[in-house]
Structure formats: C-alpha cells, structure tokens
Amino acid sequence: MIELSKADDIWTVTINRPDKANSLTHVMLSDLAEIMEGAQSARAVILTGNGRVFSAGADLEEARAGLAKSDVWERVSGAVAALPGLSIAALNGTLAGGAMGMALACDLRVAVPSAKFFYPVMKLGFLPQPSDPARMAALIGPARTKLILMGGQKITAEEALVFGLIDRIVAPEDLLEHAQMLTQDTVAASPEIANGIKGMCSAADGLAL
C-alpha cells in the first residue's frame, strides 16, 4: 500500500489505500520509514497519495489497539526531516491526524484547492506526536498551532496558504507535475551546493535535521 517509483534521482512515494482514505497501518508506516531512511541517495523525494484524500491519519482499528501512541510516527517524520535532498509533500487531498507529521517534516508542501487540514488528537484523548507541534509552530506560529491542536479547527487550503502551512495551491491535474518542476533546480545542482543550502535554511529555522 506504499508505492515507490524512481526517475532521474527523484523518488516518488505514494500512499495507496484510497478505499480507506489512505489511513495508515503500522506496516504502512514502517514501510514509509524504511523508504525514507533508504533515500539518502535521492536528490528529491515527493510524498503524495492516491485518490481524493492524502491521508486520514491512523487506521481506526489499529489506533484503538495502540497505533496512535506508537513511536513509528516519529520514526517516519524524523526520517523525512533527515533527508539530504529536497522533500515535497504533494497533498492530493485532506491531511488529518498523525499523518500531518510527515508533511510538516517536508521542505515544501503543495496542495489541491479541496484539501483540508486538521489534527483532532486532543478530542480523541491523545497527545500529538512529540515533534509535530514544534514543526507546526515554526511554520505558522504558536497561536495558529493552538488553533488547530487545541481549538480543533479544520483549516481550508486557502487558510493554510495564508498561515504558511502550505506553500502553494495547485490544480489536481497539475499537482505531481508542479512538484516535479520544483525539484528541477535541486536535481541539476551539485549535491554539495543543494545540500548546503538546505542545511543553511534548516539552521535558520532552528530545527535540526
């Protein structure tokens, strides 16, 4: 249910469980972590989903059985954050719950106009994954982070763009092509320069990769 394609040093990772709103099982999260941990040679990684939803977060049955508190979520987001190449979340639809972490860990986020963003862990009686609030606050500020995590607000793509949660809104038919376009300069540059620039930007954020 996690698919990987490679072309011209660009890895495209697709969550492919559209019949279940791309909800994530422990096996799927482990597969994602292994792919990201193995992507050290990739010049760019694009993370996307199949269907109308990027991911609804944890599979409900597995969440009740303990997946919501598993450290596998941090393993995935940590592996994404540690990628030396450019990482792009191409959000084909709504992003919810723990799945937010892997998108927050990406360098860039582009989304379709219909996408919505929410993280209802407090309502469900869970804490968010440890790194997620800090990454979200670094992008949109503490108050807007509390609006989502504590106020329980569902944010539209337009609001997310204004907040800085996403970087662009792109038509669904152009989403992957646009993400691939964003990788072109990085792939064409020397790895030392591209990775060096990414490191300098990350240092400015105050977030260690």
N, C-alpha and C. Protein backbone atom coordinates (compact mmCIF):
# COMPACT_ATOMS: atom_id res chain seq x y z
N MET A 1 0.81 -1.22 0.00
CA MET A 1 0.00 0.00 0.00
C MET A 1 0.84 1.26 0.00
N ILE A 2 2.16 1.10 0.10
CA ILE A 2 3.08 2.21 -0.11
C ILE A 2 3.86 1.91 -1.39
N GLU A 3 3.77 2.78 -2.36
CA GLU A 3 4.41 2.56 -3.64
C GLU A 3 5.57 3.52 -3.82
N LEU A 4 6.63 3.04 -4.46
CA LEU A 4 7.82 3.84 -4.70
C LEU A 4 8.20 3.76 -6.16
N SER A 5 8.41 4.93 -6.77
CA SER A 5 8.95 4.98 -8.13
C SER A 5 10.16 5.92 -8.13
N LYS A 6 11.13 5.60 -8.98
CA LYS A 6 12.36 6.38 -9.06
C LYS A 6 12.61 6.78 -10.50
N ALA A 7 12.93 8.06 -10.71
CA ALA A 7 13.24 8.56 -12.04
C ALA A 7 14.13 9.78 -11.91
N ASP A 8 15.31 9.73 -12.53
CA ASP A 8 16.21 10.89 -12.56
C ASP A 8 16.52 11.42 -11.16
N ASP A 9 16.85 10.52 -10.25
CA ASP A 9 17.21 10.88 -8.88
C ASP A 9 16.07 11.47 -8.08
N ILE A 10 14.84 11.37 -8.60
CA ILE A 10 13.65 11.81 -7.88
C ILE A 10 12.86 10.58 -7.46
N TRP A 11 12.63 10.43 -6.17
CA TRP A 11 11.83 9.34 -5.66
C TRP A 11 10.42 9.86 -5.39
N THR A 12 9.41 9.15 -5.88
CA THR A 12 8.02 9.49 -5.61
C THR A 12 7.41 8.38 -4.77
N VAL A 13 6.96 8.75 -3.59
CA VAL A 13 6.40 7.79 -2.63
C VAL A 13 4.90 8.07 -2.54
N THR A 14 4.09 7.03 -2.80
CA THR A 14 2.64 7.20 -2.86
C THR A 14 1.95 6.33 -1.83
N ILE A 15 1.11 6.95 -1.01
CA ILE A 15 0.24 6.21 -0.10
C ILE A 15 -0.96 5.74 -0.93
N ASN A 16 -1.14 4.43 -1.03
CA ASN A 16 -2.15 3.89 -1.94
C ASN A 16 -3.12 2.97 -1.21
N ARG A 17 -4.02 3.60 -0.49
CA ARG A 17 -5.11 2.89 0.18
C ARG A 17 -6.37 3.75 0.09
N PRO A 18 -6.75 4.13 -1.13
CA PRO A 18 -7.82 5.12 -1.28
C PRO A 18 -9.17 4.65 -0.76
N ASP A 19 -9.41 3.33 -0.73
CA ASP A 19 -10.69 2.82 -0.22
C ASP A 19 -10.84 3.05 1.28
N LYS A 20 -9.73 3.33 1.97
CA LYS A 20 -9.75 3.62 3.40
C LYS A 20 -9.21 5.02 3.68
N ALA A 21 -9.42 5.92 2.73
CA ALA A 21 -8.96 7.32 2.86
C ALA A 21 -7.47 7.41 3.17
N ASN A 22 -6.71 6.43 2.63
CA ASN A 22 -5.26 6.38 2.84
C ASN A 22 -4.88 6.40 4.32
N SER A 23 -5.76 5.81 5.15
CA SER A 23 -5.41 5.69 6.57
C SER A 23 -4.23 4.73 6.70
N LEU A 24 -3.42 4.97 7.72
CA LEU A 24 -2.12 4.32 7.82
C LEU A 24 -2.09 3.24 8.89
N THR A 25 -1.60 2.07 8.51
CA THR A 25 -1.39 0.98 9.44
C THR A 25 0.07 1.00 9.92
N HIS A 26 0.37 0.18 10.91
CA HIS A 26 1.75 0.10 11.40
C HIS A 26 2.68 -0.40 10.30
N VAL A 27 2.21 -1.36 9.52
CA VAL A 27 3.03 -1.88 8.42
C VAL A 27 3.31 -0.79 7.40
N MET A 28 2.29 0.00 7.06
CA MET A 28 2.48 1.08 6.08
C MET A 28 3.46 2.13 6.61
N LEU A 29 3.33 2.48 7.88
CA LEU A 29 4.25 3.46 8.47
C LEU A 29 5.67 2.93 8.51
N SER A 30 5.82 1.66 8.82
CA SER A 30 7.16 1.05 8.82
C SER A 30 7.75 1.06 7.42
N ASP A 31 6.91 0.78 6.42
CA ASP A 31 7.38 0.82 5.03
C ASP A 31 7.81 2.23 4.65
N LEU A 32 7.03 3.22 5.05
CA LEU A 32 7.39 4.62 4.78
C LEU A 32 8.72 4.97 5.43
N ALA A 33 8.89 4.56 6.68
CA ALA A 33 10.13 4.86 7.39
C ALA A 33 11.32 4.22 6.70
N GLU A 34 11.18 2.98 6.29
CA GLU A 34 12.29 2.29 5.62
C GLU A 34 12.65 2.96 4.30
N ILE A 35 11.65 3.37 3.56
CA ILE A 35 11.91 4.06 2.29
C ILE A 35 12.65 5.37 2.53
N MET A 36 12.16 6.16 3.49
CA MET A 36 12.79 7.45 3.77
C MET A 36 14.20 7.28 4.32
N GLU A 37 14.39 6.28 5.16
CA GLU A 37 15.72 6.02 5.70
C GLU A 37 16.68 5.56 4.62
N GLY A 38 16.14 4.94 3.57
CA GLY A 38 16.96 4.46 2.48
C GLY A 38 17.12 5.44 1.33
N ALA A 39 16.59 6.65 1.49
CA ALA A 39 16.58 7.62 0.40
C ALA A 39 17.73 8.61 0.46
N GLN A 40 18.83 8.21 1.08
CA GLN A 40 19.96 9.13 1.23
C GLN A 40 20.55 9.53 -0.12
N SER A 41 20.42 8.68 -1.12
CA SER A 41 20.98 8.99 -2.44
C SER A 41 20.03 9.79 -3.32
N ALA A 42 18.77 9.92 -2.89
CA ALA A 42 17.79 10.65 -3.70
C ALA A 42 18.07 12.14 -3.65
N ARG A 43 18.03 12.78 -4.79
CA ARG A 43 18.21 14.22 -4.83
C ARG A 43 16.93 14.95 -4.43
N ALA A 44 15.79 14.29 -4.63
CA ALA A 44 14.49 14.85 -4.23
C ALA A 44 13.53 13.72 -3.95
N VAL A 45 12.64 13.94 -2.99
CA VAL A 45 11.61 12.96 -2.65
C VAL A 45 10.26 13.68 -2.65
N ILE A 46 9.32 13.11 -3.39
CA ILE A 46 7.96 13.64 -3.43
C ILE A 46 7.05 12.63 -2.72
N LEU A 47 6.30 13.11 -1.75
CA LEU A 47 5.38 12.27 -0.98
C LEU A 47 3.96 12.66 -1.34
N THR A 48 3.16 11.71 -1.80
CA THR A 48 1.80 12.01 -2.22
C THR A 48 0.88 10.86 -1.88
N GLY A 49 -0.40 10.98 -2.27
CA GLY A 49 -1.37 9.94 -2.02
C GLY A 49 -2.19 9.65 -3.26
N ASN A 50 -2.87 8.52 -3.25
CA ASN A 50 -3.73 8.15 -4.35
C ASN A 50 -5.18 8.38 -3.94
N GLY A 51 -5.94 9.04 -4.81
CA GLY A 51 -7.34 9.30 -4.50
C GLY A 51 -7.59 10.74 -4.09
N ARG A 52 -8.67 10.96 -3.38
CA ARG A 52 -9.09 12.31 -3.02
C ARG A 52 -8.63 12.76 -1.64
N VAL A 53 -8.00 11.88 -0.90
CA VAL A 53 -7.51 12.20 0.45
C VAL A 53 -6.04 11.85 0.51
N PHE A 54 -5.21 12.77 1.04
CA PHE A 54 -3.80 12.42 1.22
C PHE A 54 -3.67 11.34 2.27
N SER A 55 -4.20 11.60 3.46
CA SER A 55 -4.28 10.56 4.49
C SER A 55 -5.18 11.03 5.62
N ALA A 56 -6.03 10.11 6.08
CA ALA A 56 -6.91 10.39 7.21
C ALA A 56 -6.22 10.13 8.55
N GLY A 57 -4.92 9.80 8.51
CA GLY A 57 -4.20 9.53 9.75
C GLY A 57 -4.17 8.04 10.03
N ALA A 58 -4.24 7.68 11.29
CA ALA A 58 -4.12 6.27 11.69
C ALA A 58 -5.36 5.48 11.31
N ASP A 59 -5.15 4.26 10.88
CA ASP A 59 -6.24 3.30 10.72
C ASP A 59 -6.98 3.19 12.05
N LEU A 60 -8.30 3.32 12.03
CA LEU A 60 -9.06 3.42 13.27
C LEU A 60 -8.91 2.19 14.16
N GLU A 61 -8.97 1.00 13.58
CA GLU A 61 -8.85 -0.21 14.39
C GLU A 61 -7.48 -0.29 15.04
N GLU A 62 -6.44 0.02 14.26
CA GLU A 62 -5.09 -0.04 14.83
C GLU A 62 -4.84 1.10 15.81
N ALA A 63 -5.49 2.25 15.59
CA ALA A 63 -5.35 3.35 16.54
C ALA A 63 -5.88 2.95 17.91
N ARG A 64 -7.03 2.29 17.91
CA ARG A 64 -7.61 1.83 19.18
C ARG A 64 -6.72 0.79 19.85
N ALA A 65 -5.97 0.05 19.03
CA ALA A 65 -5.10 -1.00 19.57
C ALA A 65 -3.72 -0.49 19.97
N GLY A 66 -3.49 0.82 19.82
CA GLY A 66 -2.24 1.39 20.30
C GLY A 66 -1.40 2.13 19.27
N LEU A 67 -1.81 2.08 18.00
CA LEU A 67 -1.00 2.74 16.97
C LEU A 67 -0.90 4.25 17.20
N ALA A 68 -1.95 4.86 17.74
CA ALA A 68 -1.94 6.31 17.94
C ALA A 68 -0.80 6.76 18.85
N LYS A 69 -0.32 5.86 19.72
CA LYS A 69 0.75 6.22 20.65
C LYS A 69 2.10 5.61 20.27
N SER A 70 2.15 4.99 19.10
CA SER A 70 3.38 4.31 18.69
C SER A 70 4.46 5.31 18.29
N ASP A 71 5.72 4.94 18.54
CA ASP A 71 6.83 5.81 18.13
C ASP A 71 7.15 5.69 16.64
N VAL A 72 6.41 4.85 15.91
CA VAL A 72 6.67 4.71 14.47
C VAL A 72 6.37 6.01 13.72
N TRP A 73 5.44 6.82 14.25
CA TRP A 73 5.14 8.11 13.62
C TRP A 73 6.36 9.02 13.65
N GLU A 74 7.02 9.05 14.82
CA GLU A 74 8.23 9.87 14.95
C GLU A 74 9.36 9.32 14.09
N ARG A 75 9.40 8.01 13.94
CA ARG A 75 10.41 7.42 13.07
C ARG A 75 10.23 7.91 11.63
N VAL A 76 8.97 7.96 11.17
CA VAL A 76 8.71 8.42 9.81
C VAL A 76 9.05 9.89 9.66
N SER A 77 8.52 10.73 10.52
CA SER A 77 8.76 12.18 10.36
C SER A 77 10.23 12.52 10.55
N GLY A 78 10.90 11.81 11.46
CA GLY A 78 12.33 12.04 11.65
C GLY A 78 13.12 11.66 10.42
N ALA A 79 12.75 10.56 9.76
CA ALA A 79 13.44 10.14 8.54
C ALA A 79 13.20 11.12 7.41
N VAL A 80 12.00 11.67 7.33
CA VAL A 80 11.71 12.68 6.30
C VAL A 80 12.54 13.93 6.57
N ALA A 81 12.56 14.38 7.81
CA ALA A 81 13.30 15.60 8.16
C ALA A 81 14.79 15.44 7.90
N ALA A 82 15.29 14.22 8.00
CA ALA A 82 16.73 13.97 7.85
C ALA A 82 17.15 13.78 6.40
N LEU A 83 16.22 13.78 5.47
CA LEU A 83 16.57 13.58 4.07
C LEU A 83 17.54 14.67 3.61
N PRO A 84 18.64 14.30 2.95
CA PRO A 84 19.57 15.32 2.46
C PRO A 84 19.04 16.06 1.24
N GLY A 85 18.18 15.41 0.46
CA GLY A 85 17.62 16.03 -0.72
C GLY A 85 16.38 16.86 -0.40
N LEU A 86 15.83 17.49 -1.42
CA LEU A 86 14.62 18.30 -1.26
C LEU A 86 13.41 17.39 -1.10
N SER A 87 12.62 17.63 -0.08
CA SER A 87 11.41 16.82 0.15
C SER A 87 10.18 17.69 -0.05
N ILE A 88 9.21 17.14 -0.79
CA ILE A 88 7.99 17.87 -1.12
C ILE A 88 6.78 17.00 -0.82
N ALA A 89 5.85 17.52 -0.04
CA ALA A 89 4.57 16.86 0.16
C ALA A 89 3.60 17.39 -0.89
N ALA A 90 3.20 16.52 -1.81
CA ALA A 90 2.23 16.88 -2.83
C ALA A 90 0.87 16.37 -2.35
N LEU A 91 0.14 17.25 -1.70
CA LEU A 91 -1.06 16.86 -0.95
C LEU A 91 -2.26 16.84 -1.89
N ASN A 92 -2.64 15.63 -2.27
CA ASN A 92 -3.72 15.43 -3.24
C ASN A 92 -5.10 15.59 -2.62
N GLY A 93 -5.16 15.83 -1.33
CA GLY A 93 -6.43 16.00 -0.65
C GLY A 93 -6.20 16.25 0.83
N THR A 94 -7.22 16.01 1.61
CA THR A 94 -7.21 16.34 3.03
C THR A 94 -6.11 15.58 3.79
N LEU A 95 -5.54 16.28 4.75
CA LEU A 95 -4.46 15.75 5.59
C LEU A 95 -4.94 15.83 7.04
N ALA A 96 -4.95 14.69 7.72
CA ALA A 96 -5.54 14.67 9.07
C ALA A 96 -4.67 13.89 10.04
N GLY A 97 -4.78 14.25 11.31
CA GLY A 97 -4.20 13.49 12.39
C GLY A 97 -2.70 13.32 12.29
N GLY A 98 -2.24 12.13 12.71
CA GLY A 98 -0.82 11.87 12.76
C GLY A 98 -0.11 11.96 11.43
N ALA A 99 -0.85 11.82 10.34
CA ALA A 99 -0.25 11.95 9.01
C ALA A 99 0.29 13.35 8.79
N MET A 100 -0.15 14.31 9.60
CA MET A 100 0.34 15.68 9.48
C MET A 100 1.86 15.73 9.68
N GLY A 101 2.39 14.85 10.54
CA GLY A 101 3.80 14.91 10.89
C GLY A 101 4.72 14.76 9.71
N MET A 102 4.42 13.82 8.81
CA MET A 102 5.32 13.59 7.68
C MET A 102 5.29 14.76 6.71
N ALA A 103 4.14 15.43 6.59
CA ALA A 103 4.06 16.61 5.73
C ALA A 103 4.78 17.80 6.36
N LEU A 104 4.62 17.96 7.68
CA LEU A 104 5.32 19.04 8.37
C LEU A 104 6.83 18.89 8.27
N ALA A 105 7.31 17.65 8.19
CA ALA A 105 8.74 17.39 8.13
C ALA A 105 9.33 17.63 6.74
N CYS A 106 8.47 17.76 5.73
CA CYS A 106 8.95 18.02 4.37
C CYS A 106 9.44 19.46 4.25
N ASP A 107 10.27 19.69 3.24
CA ASP A 107 10.77 21.05 2.98
C ASP A 107 9.70 21.95 2.40
N LEU A 108 8.85 21.39 1.54
CA LEU A 108 7.80 22.15 0.87
C LEU A 108 6.50 21.36 0.90
N ARG A 109 5.39 22.09 0.85
CA ARG A 109 4.08 21.47 0.81
C ARG A 109 3.22 22.19 -0.22
N VAL A 110 2.72 21.44 -1.20
CA VAL A 110 1.78 21.99 -2.17
C VAL A 110 0.50 21.16 -2.08
N ALA A 111 -0.65 21.79 -2.27
CA ALA A 111 -1.91 21.10 -2.04
C ALA A 111 -2.96 21.49 -3.07
N VAL A 112 -3.91 20.61 -3.26
CA VAL A 112 -5.04 20.90 -4.14
C VAL A 112 -6.02 21.81 -3.42
N PRO A 113 -6.88 22.54 -4.17
CA PRO A 113 -7.79 23.50 -3.54
C PRO A 113 -8.77 22.88 -2.54
N SER A 114 -9.13 21.63 -2.73
CA SER A 114 -10.13 21.00 -1.86
C SER A 114 -9.55 20.46 -0.56
N ALA A 115 -8.23 20.51 -0.40
CA ALA A 115 -7.60 19.94 0.80
C ALA A 115 -8.01 20.69 2.06
N LYS A 116 -8.16 19.93 3.13
CA LYS A 116 -8.39 20.50 4.46
C LYS A 116 -7.38 19.89 5.42
N PHE A 117 -7.13 20.60 6.52
CA PHE A 117 -6.06 20.22 7.43
C PHE A 117 -6.59 20.26 8.86
N PHE A 118 -6.51 19.13 9.55
CA PHE A 118 -6.93 19.11 10.95
C PHE A 118 -6.21 17.99 11.69
N TYR A 119 -6.14 18.16 13.01
CA TYR A 119 -5.31 17.27 13.84
C TYR A 119 -6.04 17.11 15.17
N PRO A 120 -7.10 16.27 15.20
CA PRO A 120 -8.01 16.24 16.36
C PRO A 120 -7.57 15.33 17.50
N VAL A 121 -6.28 15.34 17.83
CA VAL A 121 -5.81 14.42 18.86
C VAL A 121 -6.37 14.73 20.25
N MET A 122 -6.50 15.99 20.59
CA MET A 122 -6.98 16.34 21.92
C MET A 122 -8.41 15.82 22.12
N LYS A 123 -9.23 15.97 21.10
CA LYS A 123 -10.61 15.49 21.16
C LYS A 123 -10.66 13.97 21.33
N LEU A 124 -9.67 13.29 20.75
CA LEU A 124 -9.63 11.83 20.82
C LEU A 124 -8.92 11.31 22.06
N GLY A 125 -8.34 12.24 22.84
CA GLY A 125 -7.70 11.85 24.08
C GLY A 125 -6.25 11.45 23.96
N PHE A 126 -5.57 11.96 22.90
CA PHE A 126 -4.16 11.66 22.70
C PHE A 126 -3.35 12.94 22.62
N LEU A 127 -2.06 12.81 22.92
CA LEU A 127 -1.13 13.90 22.63
C LEU A 127 -0.69 13.80 21.18
N PRO A 128 -0.34 14.92 20.55
CA PRO A 128 0.25 14.84 19.21
C PRO A 128 1.62 14.18 19.29
N GLN A 129 2.13 13.77 18.14
CA GLN A 129 3.48 13.23 18.11
C GLN A 129 4.45 14.32 18.58
N PRO A 130 5.50 13.96 19.33
CA PRO A 130 6.32 14.96 20.03
C PRO A 130 6.87 16.09 19.16
N SER A 131 7.31 15.80 17.94
CA SER A 131 7.93 16.84 17.12
C SER A 131 6.93 17.68 16.34
N ASP A 132 5.68 17.22 16.26
CA ASP A 132 4.72 17.90 15.38
C ASP A 132 4.38 19.33 15.82
N PRO A 133 4.08 19.58 17.11
CA PRO A 133 3.74 20.96 17.49
C PRO A 133 4.88 21.94 17.22
N ALA A 134 6.13 21.53 17.47
CA ALA A 134 7.25 22.43 17.23
C ALA A 134 7.43 22.72 15.75
N ARG A 135 7.29 21.69 14.93
CA ARG A 135 7.42 21.91 13.48
C ARG A 135 6.27 22.79 12.97
N MET A 136 5.07 22.54 13.46
CA MET A 136 3.94 23.34 13.02
C MET A 136 4.10 24.79 13.47
N ALA A 137 4.52 24.99 14.72
CA ALA A 137 4.69 26.35 15.24
C ALA A 137 5.78 27.09 14.48
N ALA A 138 6.82 26.37 14.04
CA ALA A 138 7.88 27.01 13.26
C ALA A 138 7.35 27.52 11.92
N LEU A 139 6.32 26.87 11.40
CA LEU A 139 5.74 27.28 10.12
C LEU A 139 4.67 28.37 10.28
N ILE A 140 3.79 28.21 11.28
CA ILE A 140 2.61 29.08 11.34
C ILE A 140 2.49 29.86 12.65
N GLY A 141 3.40 29.64 13.59
CA GLY A 141 3.36 30.37 14.85
C GLY A 141 2.60 29.61 15.92
N PRO A 142 2.88 29.90 17.19
CA PRO A 142 2.25 29.17 18.30
C PRO A 142 0.72 29.33 18.36
N ALA A 143 0.21 30.53 18.12
CA ALA A 143 -1.23 30.73 18.28
C ALA A 143 -2.02 29.93 17.24
N ARG A 144 -1.56 29.96 15.99
CA ARG A 144 -2.28 29.21 14.96
C ARG A 144 -2.11 27.71 15.16
N THR A 145 -0.98 27.31 15.71
CA THR A 145 -0.79 25.90 16.05
C THR A 145 -1.81 25.48 17.11
N LYS A 146 -2.03 26.32 18.11
CA LYS A 146 -3.04 26.03 19.13
C LYS A 146 -4.45 26.06 18.54
N LEU A 147 -4.66 26.89 17.54
CA LEU A 147 -5.96 26.93 16.87
C LEU A 147 -6.30 25.56 16.29
N ILE A 148 -5.29 24.90 15.74
CA ILE A 148 -5.50 23.58 15.14
C ILE A 148 -5.51 22.48 16.20
N LEU A 149 -4.51 22.48 17.08
CA LEU A 149 -4.36 21.39 18.02
C LEU A 149 -5.30 21.49 19.23
N MET A 150 -5.57 22.71 19.68
CA MET A 150 -6.40 22.88 20.87
C MET A 150 -7.79 23.41 20.53
N GLY A 151 -7.87 24.24 19.50
CA GLY A 151 -9.17 24.75 19.08
C GLY A 151 -9.92 23.79 18.19
N GLY A 152 -9.23 22.74 17.72
CA GLY A 152 -9.88 21.71 16.91
C GLY A 152 -10.36 22.19 15.56
N GLN A 153 -9.74 23.24 15.03
CA GLN A 153 -10.23 23.82 13.79
C GLN A 153 -9.74 23.07 12.56
N LYS A 154 -10.65 22.93 11.61
CA LYS A 154 -10.33 22.35 10.31
C LYS A 154 -9.99 23.50 9.37
N ILE A 155 -8.77 23.51 8.85
CA ILE A 155 -8.25 24.63 8.08
C ILE A 155 -8.39 24.33 6.58
N THR A 156 -8.92 25.28 5.83
CA THR A 156 -9.03 25.10 4.39
C THR A 156 -7.68 25.34 3.72
N ALA A 157 -7.59 24.96 2.46
CA ALA A 157 -6.35 25.18 1.72
C ALA A 157 -6.01 26.67 1.64
N GLU A 158 -7.03 27.50 1.45
CA GLU A 158 -6.79 28.94 1.36
C GLU A 158 -6.24 29.48 2.68
N GLU A 159 -6.82 29.05 3.80
CA GLU A 159 -6.31 29.47 5.10
C GLU A 159 -4.90 28.93 5.34
N ALA A 160 -4.70 27.68 4.95
CA ALA A 160 -3.38 27.06 5.14
C ALA A 160 -2.30 27.82 4.37
N LEU A 161 -2.64 28.31 3.20
CA LEU A 161 -1.69 29.08 2.41
C LEU A 161 -1.38 30.41 3.10
N VAL A 162 -2.41 31.08 3.59
CA VAL A 162 -2.21 32.35 4.30
C VAL A 162 -1.38 32.12 5.57
N PHE A 163 -1.67 31.05 6.29
CA PHE A 163 -0.95 30.74 7.52
C PHE A 163 0.52 30.41 7.26
N GLY A 164 0.82 29.81 6.10
CA GLY A 164 2.15 29.30 5.82
C GLY A 164 2.28 27.80 6.06
N LEU A 165 1.15 27.14 6.29
CA LEU A 165 1.17 25.70 6.48
C LEU A 165 1.47 24.98 5.18
N ILE A 166 0.99 25.54 4.08
CA ILE A 166 1.36 25.05 2.75
C ILE A 166 1.97 26.21 1.97
N ASP A 167 2.66 25.88 0.88
CA ASP A 167 3.39 26.90 0.12
C ASP A 167 2.70 27.31 -1.17
N ARG A 168 1.90 26.42 -1.74
CA ARG A 168 1.16 26.75 -2.95
C ARG A 168 -0.10 25.89 -3.04
N ILE A 169 -1.10 26.42 -3.73
CA ILE A 169 -2.29 25.65 -4.09
C ILE A 169 -2.20 25.38 -5.59
N VAL A 170 -2.38 24.11 -5.96
CA VAL A 170 -2.18 23.68 -7.34
C VAL A 170 -3.38 22.85 -7.77
N ALA A 171 -3.81 23.02 -9.01
CA ALA A 171 -4.92 22.22 -9.54
C ALA A 171 -4.59 20.73 -9.46
N PRO A 172 -5.57 19.89 -9.17
CA PRO A 172 -5.30 18.45 -9.00
C PRO A 172 -4.57 17.83 -10.18
N GLU A 173 -4.96 18.22 -11.38
CA GLU A 173 -4.35 17.62 -12.57
C GLU A 173 -2.89 18.04 -12.77
N ASP A 174 -2.48 19.10 -12.07
CA ASP A 174 -1.11 19.62 -12.22
C ASP A 174 -0.23 19.32 -11.01
N LEU A 175 -0.77 18.65 -10.00
CA LEU A 175 -0.08 18.56 -8.72
C LEU A 175 1.29 17.90 -8.83
N LEU A 176 1.35 16.70 -9.36
CA LEU A 176 2.62 15.99 -9.42
C LEU A 176 3.59 16.66 -10.39
N GLU A 177 3.08 17.16 -11.49
CA GLU A 177 3.94 17.86 -12.44
C GLU A 177 4.55 19.10 -11.79
N HIS A 178 3.76 19.81 -10.99
CA HIS A 178 4.27 21.00 -10.32
C HIS A 178 5.33 20.62 -9.28
N ALA A 179 5.06 19.55 -8.52
CA ALA A 179 6.06 19.09 -7.54
C ALA A 179 7.36 18.70 -8.23
N GLN A 180 7.25 18.02 -9.37
CA GLN A 180 8.45 17.63 -10.11
C GLN A 180 9.19 18.85 -10.63
N MET A 181 8.45 19.88 -11.06
CA MET A 181 9.07 21.11 -11.52
C MET A 181 9.87 21.76 -10.40
N LEU A 182 9.36 21.71 -9.19
CA LEU A 182 10.05 22.32 -8.05
C LEU A 182 11.36 21.63 -7.71
N THR A 183 11.52 20.40 -8.17
CA THR A 183 12.76 19.67 -7.88
C THR A 183 13.86 19.93 -8.91
N GLN A 184 13.54 20.55 -10.03
CA GLN A 184 14.46 20.58 -11.16
C GLN A 184 15.78 21.27 -10.84
N ASP A 185 15.75 22.42 -10.21
CA ASP A 185 16.99 23.14 -9.91
C ASP A 185 17.85 22.37 -8.92
N THR A 186 17.20 21.76 -7.93
CA THR A 186 17.94 20.97 -6.94
C THR A 186 18.62 19.78 -7.59
N VAL A 187 17.90 19.08 -8.45
CA VAL A 187 18.47 17.90 -9.11
C VAL A 187 19.61 18.30 -10.05
N ALA A 188 19.49 19.48 -10.67
CA ALA A 188 20.51 19.92 -11.61
C ALA A 188 21.76 20.45 -10.91
N ALA A 189 21.63 20.90 -9.69
CA ALA A 189 22.77 21.47 -8.95
C ALA A 189 23.66 20.35 -8.42
N SER A 190 24.87 20.70 -8.02
CA SER A 190 25.73 19.71 -7.38
C SER A 190 25.14 19.37 -6.01
N PRO A 191 25.28 18.12 -5.57
CA PRO A 191 24.75 17.75 -4.26
C PRO A 191 25.30 18.61 -3.13
N GLU A 192 26.57 18.97 -3.21
CA GLU A 192 27.18 19.77 -2.15
C GLU A 192 26.49 21.12 -2.00
N ILE A 193 26.20 21.76 -3.13
CA ILE A 193 25.54 23.06 -3.09
C ILE A 193 24.10 22.93 -2.61
N ALA A 194 23.37 21.99 -3.20
CA ALA A 194 21.96 21.82 -2.84
C ALA A 194 21.81 21.44 -1.36
N ASN A 195 22.61 20.47 -0.92
CA ASN A 195 22.53 20.05 0.48
C ASN A 195 23.00 21.14 1.42
N GLY A 196 23.99 21.90 0.96
CA GLY A 196 24.49 23.01 1.78
C GLY A 196 23.44 24.08 1.98
N ILE A 197 22.70 24.41 0.92
CA ILE A 197 21.64 25.41 1.03
C ILE A 197 20.53 24.91 1.95
N LYS A 198 20.19 23.64 1.81
CA LYS A 198 19.15 23.09 2.70
C LYS A 198 19.58 23.17 4.16
N GLY A 199 20.86 22.85 4.41
CA GLY A 199 21.37 22.94 5.77
C GLY A 199 21.34 24.34 6.32
N MET A 200 21.69 25.32 5.48
CA MET A 200 21.66 26.71 5.92
C MET A 200 20.24 27.17 6.24
N CYS A 201 19.26 26.74 5.43
CA CYS A 201 17.87 27.10 5.68
C CYS A 201 17.37 26.44 6.96
N SER A 202 17.75 25.20 7.18
CA SER A 202 17.31 24.49 8.38
C SER A 202 17.91 25.12 9.63
N ALA A 203 19.16 25.56 9.53
CA ALA A 203 19.79 26.22 10.68
C ALA A 203 19.05 27.50 11.02
N ALA A 204 18.61 28.20 9.99
CA ALA A 204 17.85 29.44 10.21
C ALA A 204 16.53 29.17 10.89
N ASP A 205 15.92 28.00 10.61
CA ASP A 205 14.67 27.62 11.25
C ASP A 205 14.87 27.28 12.71
N GLY A 206 16.10 26.92 13.06
CA GLY A 206 16.34 26.46 14.42
C GLY A 206 15.90 25.04 14.65
N LEU A 207 15.66 24.30 13.54
CA LEU A 207 15.24 22.91 13.66
C LEU A 207 16.36 22.03 13.13
N ALA A 208 16.86 21.13 13.93
CA ALA A 208 17.90 20.21 13.49
C ALA A 208 17.28 19.16 12.58
N LEU A 209 17.99 18.85 11.51
CA LEU A 209 17.51 17.77 10.63
C LEU A 209 17.81 16.42 11.25
